[in-house]
Amino acid sequence: MVKIGREEPIASMDNSGKIIWAKHNEIQTINIKSVGADHEVWTLKPIYMLCYVNNEMGKKSIFYSERLPLAVKELGTCDLYPQSLKHNPNRRYVVVCGDGEYIIYTALA
Protein backbone atom coordinates (compact mmCIF):
# COMPACT_ATOMS: atom_id res chain seq x y z
CA MET A 1 0.00 0.00 0.00
CA VAL A 2 1.36 3.40 -1.00
CA LYS A 3 0.16 6.61 0.61
CA ILE A 4 0.51 9.75 -1.49
CA GLY A 5 -0.28 13.21 -0.13
CA ARG A 6 -2.13 14.09 3.04
CA GLU A 7 -5.56 13.25 4.36
CA GLU A 8 -5.78 16.55 6.24
CA PRO A 9 -5.29 19.94 4.57
CA ILE A 10 -2.45 22.17 5.75
CA ALA A 11 -3.54 25.49 7.24
CA SER A 12 -2.32 28.71 8.83
CA MET A 13 -4.28 31.16 10.98
CA ASP A 14 -3.17 34.69 11.83
CA ASN A 15 -4.05 36.48 15.06
CA SER A 16 -6.96 38.33 13.40
CA GLY A 17 -8.88 35.08 12.79
CA LYS A 18 -8.15 34.67 9.08
CA ILE A 19 -7.47 31.04 8.12
CA ILE A 20 -5.80 30.07 4.85
CA TRP A 21 -5.49 26.41 3.89
CA ALA A 22 -4.42 24.28 0.97
CA LYS A 23 -6.31 21.20 -0.08
CA HIS A 24 -4.38 19.56 -2.89
CA ASN A 25 -3.36 22.53 -5.09
CA GLU A 26 -6.33 24.74 -4.20
CA ILE A 27 -5.83 27.64 -1.77
CA GLN A 28 -8.91 28.69 0.22
CA THR A 29 -9.55 31.22 2.98
CA ILE A 30 -12.12 31.84 5.66
CA ASN A 31 -12.50 34.52 8.34
CA ILE A 32 -13.81 33.25 11.67
CA LYS A 33 -14.38 36.81 12.87
CA SER A 34 -17.29 37.00 10.42
CA VAL A 35 -19.41 34.89 12.77
CA GLY A 36 -20.62 38.14 14.35
CA ALA A 37 -20.90 39.71 17.77
CA ASP A 38 -24.26 38.09 18.54
CA HIS A 39 -22.61 34.74 19.37
CA GLU A 40 -21.32 33.28 22.64
CA VAL A 41 -18.56 30.65 22.68
CA TRP A 42 -18.64 27.58 24.95
CA THR A 43 -15.77 25.11 25.19
CA LEU A 44 -17.04 21.56 25.54
CA LYS A 45 -14.76 19.44 23.37
CA PRO A 46 -11.74 21.39 22.06
CA ILE A 47 -10.81 18.89 19.35
CA TYR A 48 -14.00 19.34 17.34
CA MET A 49 -15.27 22.04 15.03
CA LEU A 50 -17.77 24.69 16.14
CA CYS A 51 -21.55 24.86 15.84
CA TYR A 52 -24.14 27.35 16.98
CA VAL A 53 -27.60 27.12 18.48
CA ASN A 54 -30.18 29.73 19.44
CA ASN A 55 -30.69 29.94 23.18
CA GLU A 56 -33.78 31.15 24.99
CA MET A 57 -32.65 34.81 24.98
CA GLY A 58 -32.29 34.90 21.20
CA LYS A 59 -28.49 35.00 21.32
CA LYS A 60 -26.60 32.36 19.35
CA SER A 61 -24.27 30.16 21.40
CA ILE A 62 -21.31 28.37 19.80
CA PHE A 63 -20.40 24.85 20.95
CA TYR A 64 -17.51 22.65 19.85
CA SER A 65 -18.62 19.63 17.82
CA GLU A 66 -20.05 20.83 14.51
CA ARG A 67 -19.31 23.29 11.74
CA LEU A 68 -19.70 27.06 11.74
CA PRO A 69 -21.85 28.65 9.02
CA LEU A 70 -19.00 30.51 7.30
CA ALA A 71 -18.44 31.30 3.64
CA VAL A 72 -15.28 29.82 2.12
CA LYS A 73 -13.47 32.08 -0.35
CA GLU A 74 -11.46 30.49 -3.17
CA LEU A 75 -8.07 32.21 -3.64
CA GLY A 76 -6.90 30.12 -6.58
CA THR A 77 -4.55 27.27 -7.31
CA CYS A 78 -0.90 26.82 -6.46
CA ASP A 79 1.79 25.84 -8.99
CA LEU A 80 3.33 23.30 -6.61
CA TYR A 81 1.96 20.67 -4.23
CA PRO A 82 1.91 22.48 -0.85
CA GLN A 83 3.60 20.74 2.08
CA SER A 84 3.58 23.68 4.51
CA LEU A 85 1.80 27.02 4.70
CA LYS A 86 2.60 29.89 7.10
CA HIS A 87 1.61 33.53 7.69
CA ASN A 88 4.34 36.08 8.34
CA PRO A 89 4.13 37.99 11.66
CA ASN A 90 2.53 41.15 10.23
CA ARG A 91 -0.23 39.10 8.46
CA ARG A 92 0.53 40.64 5.06
CA TYR A 93 2.02 37.60 3.30
CA VAL A 94 1.63 33.83 3.25
CA VAL A 95 4.38 31.46 2.16
CA VAL A 96 3.59 28.09 0.58
CA CYS A 97 6.42 25.54 0.58
CA GLY A 98 6.59 22.28 -1.32
CA ASP A 99 8.57 20.30 -3.90
CA GLY A 100 11.79 22.02 -2.76
CA GLU A 101 10.41 25.46 -3.72
CA TYR A 102 8.43 28.23 -2.08
CA ILE A 103 5.98 30.89 -3.27
CA ILE A 104 5.07 34.05 -1.36
CA TYR A 105 1.46 35.23 -1.76
CA THR A 106 -0.24 38.32 -0.40
CA ALA A 107 -2.72 37.40 2.32
CA LEU A 108 -4.77 40.58 1.98
CA ALA A 109 -6.98 39.27 -0.82
C-alpha atoms as a PDB file:
ATOM      1  CA  MET A   1       0.000   0.000   0.000  1.00  0.00           C
ATOM      2  CA  VAL A   2       1.365   3.398  -1.005  1.00  0.00           C
ATOM      3  CA  LYS A   3       0.160   6.611   0.611  1.00  0.00           C
ATOM      4  CA  ILE A   4       0.508   9.751  -1.490  1.00  0.00           C
ATOM      5  CA  GLY A   5      -0.275  13.205  -0.133  1.00  0.00           C
ATOM      6  CA  ARG A   6      -2.135  14.090   3.039  1.00  0.00           C
ATOM      7  CA  GLU A   7      -5.562  13.249   4.358  1.00  0.00           C
ATOM      8  CA  GLU A   8      -5.776  16.552   6.242  1.00  0.00           C
ATOM      9  CA  PRO A   9      -5.293  19.935   4.567  1.00  0.00           C
ATOM     10  CA  ILE A  10      -2.454  22.170   5.747  1.00  0.00           C
ATOM     11  CA  ALA A  11      -3.536  25.487   7.242  1.00  0.00           C
ATOM     12  CA  SER A  12      -2.320  28.707   8.831  1.00  0.00           C
ATOM     13  CA  MET A  13      -4.278  31.158  10.985  1.00  0.00           C
ATOM     14  CA  ASP A  14      -3.171  34.687  11.830  1.00  0.00           C
ATOM     15  CA  ASN A  15      -4.054  36.484  15.060  1.00  0.00           C
ATOM     16  CA  SER A  16      -6.962  38.329  13.403  1.00  0.00           C
ATOM     17  CA  GLY A  17      -8.883  35.084  12.792  1.00  0.00           C
ATOM     18  CA  LYS A  18      -8.147  34.667   9.082  1.00  0.00           C
ATOM     19  CA  ILE A  19      -7.475  31.039   8.124  1.00  0.00           C
ATOM     20  CA  ILE A  20      -5.803  30.069   4.847  1.00  0.00           C
ATOM     21  CA  TRP A  21      -5.494  26.411   3.892  1.00  0.00           C
ATOM     22  CA  ALA A  22      -4.425  24.280   0.970  1.00  0.00           C
ATOM     23  CA  LYS A  23      -6.309  21.197  -0.079  1.00  0.00           C
ATOM     24  CA  HIS A  24      -4.383  19.564  -2.887  1.00  0.00           C
ATOM     25  CA  ASN A  25      -3.358  22.528  -5.092  1.00  0.00           C
ATOM     26  CA  GLU A  26      -6.325  24.745  -4.200  1.00  0.00           C
ATOM     27  CA  ILE A  27      -5.829  27.639  -1.767  1.00  0.00           C
ATOM     28  CA  GLN A  28      -8.906  28.692   0.223  1.00  0.00           C
ATOM     29  CA  THR A  29      -9.545  31.222   2.981  1.00  0.00           C
ATOM     30  CA  ILE A  30     -12.124  31.844   5.663  1.00  0.00           C
ATOM     31  CA  ASN A  31     -12.502  34.521   8.340  1.00  0.00           C
ATOM     32  CA  ILE A  32     -13.806  33.247  11.670  1.00  0.00           C
ATOM     33  CA  LYS A  33     -14.378  36.812  12.871  1.00  0.00           C
ATOM     34  CA  SER A  34     -17.288  37.002  10.417  1.00  0.00           C
ATOM     35  CA  VAL A  35     -19.415  34.890  12.774  1.00  0.00           C
ATOM     36  CA  GLY A  36     -20.617  38.137  14.349  1.00  0.00           C
ATOM     37  CA  ALA A  37     -20.902  39.707  17.766  1.00  0.00           C
ATOM     38  CA  ASP A  38     -24.261  38.090  18.541  1.00  0.00           C
ATOM     39  CA  HIS A  39     -22.609  34.735  19.371  1.00  0.00           C
ATOM     40  CA  GLU A  40     -21.323  33.279  22.639  1.00  0.00           C
ATOM     41  CA  VAL A  41     -18.557  30.648  22.684  1.00  0.00           C
ATOM     42  CA  TRP A  42     -18.639  27.585  24.951  1.00  0.00           C
ATOM     43  CA  THR A  43     -15.766  25.113  25.186  1.00  0.00           C
ATOM     44  CA  LEU A  44     -17.041  21.561  25.540  1.00  0.00           C
ATOM     45  CA  LYS A  45     -14.760  19.438  23.365  1.00  0.00           C
ATOM     46  CA  PRO A  46     -11.745  21.392  22.065  1.00  0.00           C
ATOM     47  CA  ILE A  47     -10.808  18.891  19.354  1.00  0.00           C
ATOM     48  CA  TYR A  48     -14.001  19.338  17.337  1.00  0.00           C
ATOM     49  CA  MET A  49     -15.275  22.044  15.033  1.00  0.00           C
ATOM     50  CA  LEU A  50     -17.768  24.692  16.136  1.00  0.00           C
ATOM     51  CA  CYS A  51     -21.548  24.856  15.845  1.00  0.00           C
ATOM     52  CA  TYR A  52     -24.145  27.347  16.985  1.00  0.00           C
ATOM     53  CA  VAL A  53     -27.601  27.121  18.480  1.00  0.00           C
ATOM     54  CA  ASN A  54     -30.183  29.730  19.442  1.00  0.00           C
ATOM     55  CA  ASN A  55     -30.685  29.944  23.182  1.00  0.00           C
ATOM     56  CA  GLU A  56     -33.784  31.153  24.990  1.00  0.00           C
ATOM     57  CA  MET A  57     -32.650  34.814  24.984  1.00  0.00           C
ATOM     58  CA  GLY A  58     -32.285  34.899  21.199  1.00  0.00           C
ATOM     59  CA  LYS A  59     -28.488  35.002  21.319  1.00  0.00           C
ATOM     60  CA  LYS A  60     -26.600  32.357  19.350  1.00  0.00           C
ATOM     61  CA  SER A  61     -24.267  30.159  21.395  1.00  0.00           C
ATOM     62  CA  ILE A  62     -21.306  28.370  19.802  1.00  0.00           C
ATOM     63  CA  PHE A  63     -20.397  24.852  20.947  1.00  0.00           C
ATOM     64  CA  TYR A  64     -17.514  22.655  19.854  1.00  0.00           C
ATOM     65  CA  SER A  65     -18.617  19.630  17.818  1.00  0.00           C
ATOM     66  CA  GLU A  66     -20.053  20.826  14.511  1.00  0.00           C
ATOM     67  CA  ARG A  67     -19.306  23.292  11.736  1.00  0.00           C
ATOM     68  CA  LEU A  68     -19.703  27.061  11.740  1.00  0.00           C
ATOM     69  CA  PRO A  69     -21.852  28.649   9.020  1.00  0.00           C
ATOM     70  CA  LEU A  70     -18.997  30.514   7.296  1.00  0.00           C
ATOM     71  CA  ALA A  71     -18.442  31.300   3.636  1.00  0.00           C
ATOM     72  CA  VAL A  72     -15.279  29.823   2.121  1.00  0.00           C
ATOM     73  CA  LYS A  73     -13.470  32.075  -0.350  1.00  0.00           C
ATOM     74  CA  GLU A  74     -11.459  30.490  -3.167  1.00  0.00           C
ATOM     75  CA  LEU A  75      -8.072  32.213  -3.638  1.00  0.00           C
ATOM     76  CA  GLY A  76      -6.901  30.119  -6.578  1.00  0.00           C
ATOM     77  CA  THR A  77      -4.548  27.269  -7.313  1.00  0.00           C
ATOM     78  CA  CYS A  78      -0.896  26.822  -6.458  1.00  0.00           C
ATOM     79  CA  ASP A  79       1.786  25.842  -8.988  1.00  0.00           C
ATOM     80  CA  LEU A  80       3.327  23.304  -6.613  1.00  0.00           C
ATOM     81  CA  TYR A  81       1.964  20.669  -4.232  1.00  0.00           C
ATOM     82  CA  PRO A  82       1.907  22.477  -0.846  1.00  0.00           C
ATOM     83  CA  GLN A  83       3.597  20.736   2.081  1.00  0.00           C
ATOM     84  CA  SER A  84       3.582  23.681   4.511  1.00  0.00           C
ATOM     85  CA  LEU A  85       1.802  27.017   4.700  1.00  0.00           C
ATOM     86  CA  LYS A  86       2.597  29.886   7.095  1.00  0.00           C
ATOM     87  CA  HIS A  87       1.605  33.534   7.691  1.00  0.00           C
ATOM     88  CA  ASN A  88       4.342  36.081   8.336  1.00  0.00           C
ATOM     89  CA  PRO A  89       4.131  37.990  11.665  1.00  0.00           C
ATOM     90  CA  ASN A  90       2.531  41.149  10.234  1.00  0.00           C
ATOM     91  CA  ARG A  91      -0.232  39.101   8.456  1.00  0.00           C
ATOM     92  CA  ARG A  92       0.530  40.644   5.061  1.00  0.00           C
ATOM     93  CA  TYR A  93       2.021  37.603   3.301  1.00  0.00           C
ATOM     94  CA  VAL A  94       1.625  33.826   3.250  1.00  0.00           C
ATOM     95  CA  VAL A  95       4.378  31.458   2.155  1.00  0.00           C
ATOM     96  CA  VAL A  96       3.589  28.091   0.578  1.00  0.00           C
ATOM     97  CA  CYS A  97       6.423  25.536   0.581  1.00  0.00           C
ATOM     98  CA  GLY A  98       6.594  22.278  -1.322  1.00  0.00           C
ATOM     99  CA  ASP A  99       8.574  20.298  -3.900  1.00  0.00           C
ATOM    100  CA  GLY A 100      11.795  22.021  -2.757  1.00  0.00           C
ATOM    101  CA  GLU A 101      10.414  25.456  -3.725  1.00  0.00           C
ATOM    102  CA  TYR A 102       8.430  28.234  -2.076  1.00  0.00           C
ATOM    103  CA  ILE A 103       5.982  30.887  -3.271  1.00  0.00           C
ATOM    104  CA  ILE A 104       5.069  34.050  -1.361  1.00  0.00           C
ATOM    105  CA  TYR A 105       1.463  35.234  -1.755  1.00  0.00           C
ATOM    106  CA  THR A 106      -0.239  38.322  -0.401  1.00  0.00           C
ATOM    107  CA  ALA A 107      -2.718  37.400   2.324  1.00  0.00           C
ATOM    108  CA  LEU A 108      -4.767  40.583   1.985  1.00  0.00           C
ATOM    109  CA  ALA A 109      -6.979  39.267  -0.823  1.00  0.00           C
END
